[in-house]
Amino acid sequence: MTTSKEYSRTCELCEFTCRDRSNWSKHKRTIKHLYEELKIENINLRVENEKLKQGGNTIINIDNSTNIIINVSKDAINLDDLSEPDFTRNLVEQITKEIFNLDQDKRPIYSKNETIYAKNNDVWFKGSEAEDTINKFGRRVQHKGIGYINTREEELMKSDSGVDEYMRLNENVYAPIDTKTLLHKNKEKFKTKLNIE
């Protein structure tokens, strides 16, 4: 067994010195130490980000739960860069049609080996993070549609044909736009042959 006289450790980040393992373990959980670790990690990520801006397929795994894929296809557009749909027609069909009209390396959504990949804000996400990204995109489109309906509501309620259009708008805008509905009939079309991993 190691005695306190034989054990001595100094933290390179904080310059903290301790003489036993218990204090060392406690020190590693202090705010000061964690803050210093985050500063170093931030610097390393900035350096790596600069390297990645030059291209290449790279996967960064943060704390084994969040997978961010960088540059799966550096030419791919962001989900938010898709054109605003016509709210009088089926939104899911319009979004999927626009994605499939893009060259495969420009698409913001991919599927490979049953794993979903999605790009938004110039960052690639994988798995459940990608699904969340797609779901958030769908909610943003719906919120734009709700705003559109609200601006036209008074005008549309003046005639029977306007009421019919108002009902169609509501039906289109309030229909779910999420990973499940986008991929439901199109899973094969979202599959890619690009070298992702």
C-alpha atoms as a PDB file:
ATOM      1  CA  MET A   1       0.000   0.000   0.000  1.00  0.00           C
ATOM      2  CA  THR A   2       1.229   3.469  -0.906  1.00  0.00           C
ATOM      3  CA  THR A   3       1.681   5.838   1.983  1.00  0.00           C
ATOM      4  CA  SER A   4       1.219   9.576   1.709  1.00  0.00           C
ATOM      5  CA  LYS A   5       5.015  10.082   1.827  1.00  0.00           C
ATOM      6  CA  GLU A   6       5.491   7.967  -1.289  1.00  0.00           C
ATOM      7  CA  TYR A   7       2.622   9.516  -3.248  1.00  0.00           C
ATOM      8  CA  SER A   8       2.858  13.040  -4.588  1.00  0.00           C
ATOM      9  CA  ARG A   9       1.168  14.474  -7.632  1.00  0.00           C
ATOM     10  CA  THR A  10       1.041  17.941  -9.186  1.00  0.00           C
ATOM     11  CA  CYS A  11      -1.677  19.095 -11.565  1.00  0.00           C
ATOM     12  CA  GLU A  12      -0.146  20.594 -14.691  1.00  0.00           C
ATOM     13  CA  LEU A  13      -3.219  22.725 -15.340  1.00  0.00           C
ATOM     14  CA  CYS A  14      -3.755  24.234 -11.894  1.00  0.00           C
ATOM     15  CA  GLU A  15      -0.374  23.657 -10.253  1.00  0.00           C
ATOM     16  CA  PHE A  16      -2.161  21.915  -7.378  1.00  0.00           C
ATOM     17  CA  THR A  17      -0.015  19.460  -5.419  1.00  0.00           C
ATOM     18  CA  CYS A  18      -1.393  16.682  -3.265  1.00  0.00           C
ATOM     19  CA  ARG A  19       0.058  13.871  -1.256  1.00  0.00           C
ATOM     20  CA  ASP A  20      -2.706  11.269  -1.442  1.00  0.00           C
ATOM     21  CA  ARG A  21      -5.025   9.795  -4.019  1.00  0.00           C
ATOM     22  CA  SER A  22      -8.181  10.924  -2.271  1.00  0.00           C
ATOM     23  CA  ASN A  23      -7.253  14.599  -2.571  1.00  0.00           C
ATOM     24  CA  TRP A  24      -6.179  14.072  -6.163  1.00  0.00           C
ATOM     25  CA  SER A  25      -9.570  12.572  -6.982  1.00  0.00           C
ATOM     26  CA  LYS A  26     -11.345  15.486  -5.262  1.00  0.00           C
ATOM     27  CA  HIS A  27      -9.169  18.001  -7.061  1.00  0.00           C
ATOM     28  CA  LYS A  28     -10.077  16.564 -10.483  1.00  0.00           C
ATOM     29  CA  ARG A  29     -13.730  17.422  -9.717  1.00  0.00           C
ATOM     30  CA  THR A  30     -13.148  21.025  -8.582  1.00  0.00           C
ATOM     31  CA  ILE A  31     -14.532  23.867 -10.639  1.00  0.00           C
ATOM     32  CA  LYS A  32     -11.085  25.385 -11.059  1.00  0.00           C
ATOM     33  CA  HIS A  33      -9.662  22.169 -12.532  1.00  0.00           C
ATOM     34  CA  LEU A  34     -12.694  21.511 -14.751  1.00  0.00           C
ATOM     35  CA  TYR A  35     -12.567  25.092 -16.012  1.00  0.00           C
ATOM     36  CA  GLU A  36      -8.895  24.717 -16.943  1.00  0.00           C
ATOM     37  CA  GLU A  37      -9.649  21.428 -18.737  1.00  0.00           C
ATOM     38  CA  LEU A  38     -12.437  23.095 -20.714  1.00  0.00           C
ATOM     39  CA  LYS A  39     -10.147  25.949 -21.737  1.00  0.00           C
ATOM     40  CA  ILE A  40      -7.580  23.467 -23.071  1.00  0.00           C
ATOM     41  CA  GLU A  41     -10.286  21.425 -24.826  1.00  0.00           C
ATOM     42  CA  ASN A  42     -11.703  24.602 -26.388  1.00  0.00           C
ATOM     43  CA  ILE A  43      -8.293  25.539 -27.771  1.00  0.00           C
ATOM     44  CA  ASN A  44      -7.810  22.023 -29.160  1.00  0.00           C
ATOM     45  CA  LEU A  45     -11.258  22.093 -30.798  1.00  0.00           C
ATOM     46  CA  ARG A  46     -10.524  25.454 -32.410  1.00  0.00           C
ATOM     47  CA  VAL A  47      -7.284  24.109 -33.853  1.00  0.00           C
ATOM     48  CA  GLU A  48      -9.032  20.965 -35.084  1.00  0.00           C
ATOM     49  CA  ASN A  49     -11.876  23.051 -36.525  1.00  0.00           C
ATOM     50  CA  GLU A  50      -9.402  25.071 -38.561  1.00  0.00           C
ATOM     51  CA  LYS A  51      -7.874  21.853 -39.898  1.00  0.00           C
ATOM     52  CA  LEU A  52     -11.313  20.460 -40.771  1.00  0.00           C
ATOM     53  CA  LYS A  53     -12.323  23.556 -42.705  1.00  0.00           C
ATOM     54  CA  GLN A  54      -9.907  22.353 -45.350  1.00  0.00           C
ATOM     55  CA  GLY A  55     -12.049  19.229 -46.044  1.00  0.00           C
ATOM     56  CA  GLY A  56     -11.990  15.507 -45.396  1.00  0.00           C
ATOM     57  CA  ASN A  57     -14.352  13.111 -43.650  1.00  0.00           C
ATOM     58  CA  THR A  58     -13.952  13.237 -39.906  1.00  0.00           C
ATOM     59  CA  ILE A  59     -16.071  12.097 -36.995  1.00  0.00           C
ATOM     60  CA  ILE A  60     -15.753  13.807 -33.640  1.00  0.00           C
ATOM     61  CA  ASN A  61     -17.200  11.883 -30.717  1.00  0.00           C
ATOM     62  CA  ILE A  62     -17.957  14.060 -27.713  1.00  0.00           C
ATOM     63  CA  ASP A  63     -18.448  12.218 -24.389  1.00  0.00           C
ATOM     64  CA  ASN A  64     -19.514   9.008 -26.182  1.00  0.00           C
ATOM     65  CA  SER A  65     -23.108  10.233 -26.537  1.00  0.00           C
ATOM     66  CA  THR A  66     -23.093  13.095 -29.045  1.00  0.00           C
ATOM     67  CA  ASN A  67     -21.713  12.337 -32.461  1.00  0.00           C
ATOM     68  CA  ILE A  68     -20.979  15.310 -34.663  1.00  0.00           C
ATOM     69  CA  ILE A  69     -19.912  14.447 -38.167  1.00  0.00           C
ATOM     70  CA  ILE A  70     -17.785  17.088 -39.833  1.00  0.00           C
ATOM     71  CA  ASN A  71     -17.594  17.361 -43.620  1.00  0.00           C
ATOM     72  CA  VAL A  72     -19.397  14.173 -44.602  1.00  0.00           C
ATOM     73  CA  SER A  73     -19.965  16.112 -47.764  1.00  0.00           C
ATOM     74  CA  LYS A  74     -18.556  19.607 -47.614  1.00  0.00           C
ATOM     75  CA  ASP A  75     -20.773  20.641 -50.542  1.00  0.00           C
ATOM     76  CA  ALA A  76     -24.016  19.660 -48.787  1.00  0.00           C
ATOM     77  CA  ILE A  77     -26.436  22.441 -47.972  1.00  0.00           C
ATOM     78  CA  ASN A  78     -27.969  23.011 -44.535  1.00  0.00           C
ATOM     79  CA  LEU A  79     -31.557  21.967 -43.843  1.00  0.00           C
ATOM     80  CA  ASP A  80     -32.414  25.611 -43.162  1.00  0.00           C
ATOM     81  CA  ASP A  81     -31.089  26.536 -46.626  1.00  0.00           C
ATOM     82  CA  LEU A  82     -33.896  24.607 -48.341  1.00  0.00           C
ATOM     83  CA  SER A  83     -36.378  26.946 -50.009  1.00  0.00           C
ATOM     84  CA  GLU A  84     -39.521  27.882 -48.126  1.00  0.00           C
ATOM     85  CA  PRO A  85     -42.320  25.534 -49.161  1.00  0.00           C
ATOM     86  CA  ASP A  86     -45.701  26.491 -50.586  1.00  0.00           C
ATOM     87  CA  PHE A  87     -47.979  26.116 -47.562  1.00  0.00           C
ATOM     88  CA  THR A  88     -50.983  25.338 -49.766  1.00  0.00           C
ATOM     89  CA  ARG A  89     -49.440  21.974 -50.736  1.00  0.00           C
ATOM     90  CA  ASN A  90     -48.158  18.951 -48.803  1.00  0.00           C
ATOM     91  CA  LEU A  91     -45.014  20.143 -47.005  1.00  0.00           C
ATOM     92  CA  VAL A  92     -43.322  16.756 -46.537  1.00  0.00           C
ATOM     93  CA  GLU A  93     -43.643  15.974 -50.251  1.00  0.00           C
ATOM     94  CA  GLN A  94     -42.192  19.374 -51.180  1.00  0.00           C
ATOM     95  CA  ILE A  95     -39.236  19.040 -48.795  1.00  0.00           C
ATOM     96  CA  THR A  96     -38.352  15.495 -49.877  1.00  0.00           C
ATOM     97  CA  LYS A  97     -38.742  16.411 -53.557  1.00  0.00           C
ATOM     98  CA  GLU A  98     -36.383  19.370 -53.140  1.00  0.00           C
ATOM     99  CA  ILE A  99     -33.817  17.199 -51.350  1.00  0.00           C
ATOM    100  CA  PHE A 100     -33.988  14.464 -54.007  1.00  0.00           C
ATOM    101  CA  ASN A 101     -33.604  17.053 -56.794  1.00  0.00           C
ATOM    102  CA  LEU A 102     -30.208  17.964 -55.320  1.00  0.00           C
ATOM    103  CA  ASP A 103     -27.062  16.100 -56.330  1.00  0.00           C
ATOM    104  CA  GLN A 104     -26.352  13.394 -53.771  1.00  0.00           C
ATOM    105  CA  ASP A 105     -23.287  15.188 -52.388  1.00  0.00           C
ATOM    106  CA  LYS A 106     -25.382  18.342 -51.783  1.00  0.00           C
ATOM    107  CA  ARG A 107     -28.170  16.676 -49.789  1.00  0.00           C
ATOM    108  CA  PRO A 108     -28.535  17.639 -46.107  1.00  0.00           C
ATOM    109  CA  ILE A 109     -29.943  14.226 -45.069  1.00  0.00           C
ATOM    110  CA  TYR A 110     -28.387  10.794 -45.581  1.00  0.00           C
ATOM    111  CA  SER A 111     -29.032   7.289 -44.389  1.00  0.00           C
ATOM    112  CA  LYS A 112     -26.321   4.648 -44.235  1.00  0.00           C
ATOM    113  CA  ASN A 113     -26.483   1.282 -42.467  1.00  0.00           C
ATOM    114  CA  GLU A 114     -29.744   2.277 -40.752  1.00  0.00           C
ATOM    115  CA  THR A 115     -28.073   5.403 -39.313  1.00  0.00           C
ATOM    116  CA  ILE A 116     -29.432   8.863 -40.112  1.00  0.00           C
ATOM    117  CA  TYR A 117     -27.120  11.819 -40.836  1.00  0.00           C
ATOM    118  CA  ALA A 118     -28.343  15.423 -41.062  1.00  0.00           C
ATOM    119  CA  LYS A 119     -26.626  18.747 -41.654  1.00  0.00           C
ATOM    120  CA  ASN A 120     -27.673  22.101 -40.270  1.00  0.00           C
ATOM    121  CA  ASN A 121     -25.730  25.227 -39.290  1.00  0.00           C
ATOM    122  CA  ASP A 122     -22.726  23.766 -41.166  1.00  0.00           C
ATOM    123  CA  VAL A 123     -22.509  20.813 -38.730  1.00  0.00           C
ATOM    124  CA  TRP A 124     -23.258  17.144 -39.464  1.00  0.00           C
ATOM    125  CA  PHE A 125     -25.163  15.151 -36.840  1.00  0.00           C
ATOM    126  CA  LYS A 126     -25.531  11.389 -36.528  1.00  0.00           C
ATOM    127  CA  GLY A 127     -28.178   9.064 -35.087  1.00  0.00           C
ATOM    128  CA  SER A 128     -30.531  10.524 -32.495  1.00  0.00           C
ATOM    129  CA  GLU A 129     -28.833  13.923 -32.778  1.00  0.00           C
ATOM    130  CA  ALA A 130     -29.599  13.905 -36.518  1.00  0.00           C
ATOM    131  CA  GLU A 131     -33.213  12.962 -35.824  1.00  0.00           C
ATOM    132  CA  ASP A 132     -33.501  15.840 -33.334  1.00  0.00           C
ATOM    133  CA  THR A 133     -32.020  18.191 -35.947  1.00  0.00           C
ATOM    134  CA  ILE A 134     -34.567  17.081 -38.551  1.00  0.00           C
ATOM    135  CA  ASN A 135     -37.427  17.361 -36.039  1.00  0.00           C
ATOM    136  CA  LYS A 136     -36.375  20.909 -35.063  1.00  0.00           C
ATOM    137  CA  PHE A 137     -36.175  21.849 -38.745  1.00  0.00           C
ATOM    138  CA  GLY A 138     -39.726  20.521 -39.219  1.00  0.00           C
ATOM    139  CA  ARG A 139     -41.009  22.573 -36.278  1.00  0.00           C
ATOM    140  CA  ARG A 140     -39.368  25.721 -37.709  1.00  0.00           C
ATOM    141  CA  VAL A 141     -41.105  25.135 -41.063  1.00  0.00           C
ATOM    142  CA  GLN A 142     -44.415  24.626 -39.251  1.00  0.00           C
ATOM    143  CA  HIS A 143     -43.952  27.851 -37.270  1.00  0.00           C
ATOM    144  CA  LYS A 144     -43.356  29.757 -40.529  1.00  0.00           C
ATOM    145  CA  GLY A 145     -46.528  28.170 -41.894  1.00  0.00           C
ATOM    146  CA  ILE A 146     -48.509  29.188 -38.819  1.00  0.00           C
ATOM    147  CA  GLY A 147     -47.248  32.754 -39.274  1.00  0.00           C
ATOM    148  CA  TYR A 148     -48.337  32.628 -42.917  1.00  0.00           C
ATOM    149  CA  ILE A 149     -51.814  31.379 -41.923  1.00  0.00           C
ATOM    150  CA  ASN A 150     -52.150  34.101 -39.281  1.00  0.00           C
ATOM    151  CA  THR A 151     -51.343  36.848 -41.805  1.00  0.00           C
ATOM    152  CA  ARG A 152     -53.997  35.553 -44.233  1.00  0.00           C
ATOM    153  CA  GLU A 153     -56.691  34.443 -41.768  1.00  0.00           C
ATOM    154  CA  GLU A 154     -58.843  37.576 -41.876  1.00  0.00           C
ATOM    155  CA  GLU A 155     -58.746  37.698 -45.689  1.00  0.00           C
ATOM    156  CA  LEU A 156     -59.561  33.975 -46.061  1.00  0.00           C
ATOM    157  CA  MET A 157     -62.530  33.992 -43.666  1.00  0.00           C
ATOM    158  CA  LYS A 158     -64.493  36.377 -45.899  1.00  0.00           C
ATOM    159  CA  SER A 159     -65.621  33.729 -48.432  1.00  0.00           C
ATOM    160  CA  ASP A 160     -66.473  30.031 -48.598  1.00  0.00           C
ATOM    161  CA  SER A 161     -63.569  29.332 -50.953  1.00  0.00           C
ATOM    162  CA  GLY A 162     -61.311  31.250 -48.568  1.00  0.00           C
ATOM    163  CA  VAL A 163     -62.489  29.089 -45.663  1.00  0.00           C
ATOM    164  CA  ASP A 164     -61.714  25.987 -47.720  1.00  0.00           C
ATOM    165  CA  GLU A 165     -58.220  27.306 -48.441  1.00  0.00           C
ATOM    166  CA  TYR A 166     -57.810  28.185 -44.749  1.00  0.00           C
ATOM    167  CA  MET A 167     -58.683  24.586 -43.824  1.00  0.00           C
ATOM    168  CA  ARG A 168     -56.223  23.188 -46.415  1.00  0.00           C
ATOM    169  CA  LEU A 169     -53.492  25.484 -45.094  1.00  0.00           C
ATOM    170  CA  ASN A 170     -54.098  24.283 -41.539  1.00  0.00           C
ATOM    171  CA  GLU A 171     -54.124  20.651 -42.652  1.00  0.00           C
ATOM    172  CA  ASN A 172     -50.780  21.081 -44.449  1.00  0.00           C
ATOM    173  CA  VAL A 173     -49.053  23.153 -41.783  1.00  0.00           C
ATOM    174  CA  TYR A 174     -50.141  21.091 -38.792  1.00  0.00           C
ATOM    175  CA  ALA A 175     -49.236  17.742 -40.404  1.00  0.00           C
ATOM    176  CA  PRO A 176     -46.073  16.392 -38.750  1.00  0.00           C
ATOM    177  CA  ILE A 177     -42.755  17.214 -40.407  1.00  0.00           C
ATOM    178  CA  ASP A 178     -40.213  15.024 -38.652  1.00  0.00           C
ATOM    179  CA  THR A 179     -37.745  12.226 -39.205  1.00  0.00           C
ATOM    180  CA  LYS A 180     -40.469   9.595 -39.268  1.00  0.00           C
ATOM    181  CA  THR A 181     -42.611  11.319 -41.902  1.00  0.00           C
ATOM    182  CA  LEU A 182     -39.683  12.410 -44.084  1.00  0.00           C
ATOM    183  CA  LEU A 183     -38.135   8.943 -44.145  1.00  0.00           C
ATOM    184  CA  HIS A 184     -41.352   6.879 -44.077  1.00  0.00           C
ATOM    185  CA  LYS A 185     -41.633   6.121 -47.792  1.00  0.00           C
ATOM    186  CA  ASN A 186     -38.223   7.443 -48.778  1.00  0.00           C
ATOM    187  CA  LYS A 187     -35.730   5.525 -46.658  1.00  0.00           C
ATOM    188  CA  GLU A 188     -34.176   3.822 -49.688  1.00  0.00           C
ATOM    189  CA  LYS A 189     -33.832   7.141 -51.513  1.00  0.00           C
ATOM    190  CA  PHE A 190     -31.959   8.686 -48.563  1.00  0.00           C
ATOM    191  CA  LYS A 191     -29.380   5.888 -48.576  1.00  0.00           C
ATOM    192  CA  THR A 192     -25.985   6.983 -49.766  1.00  0.00           C
ATOM    193  CA  LYS A 193     -22.919   5.417 -51.280  1.00  0.00           C
ATOM    194  CA  LEU A 194     -20.738   8.259 -50.054  1.00  0.00           C
ATOM    195  CA  ASN A 195     -17.912   7.214 -47.758  1.00  0.00           C
ATOM    196  CA  ILE A 196     -19.235   8.478 -44.429  1.00  0.00           C
ATOM    197  CA  GLU A 197     -17.419   6.422 -41.827  1.00  0.00           C
END
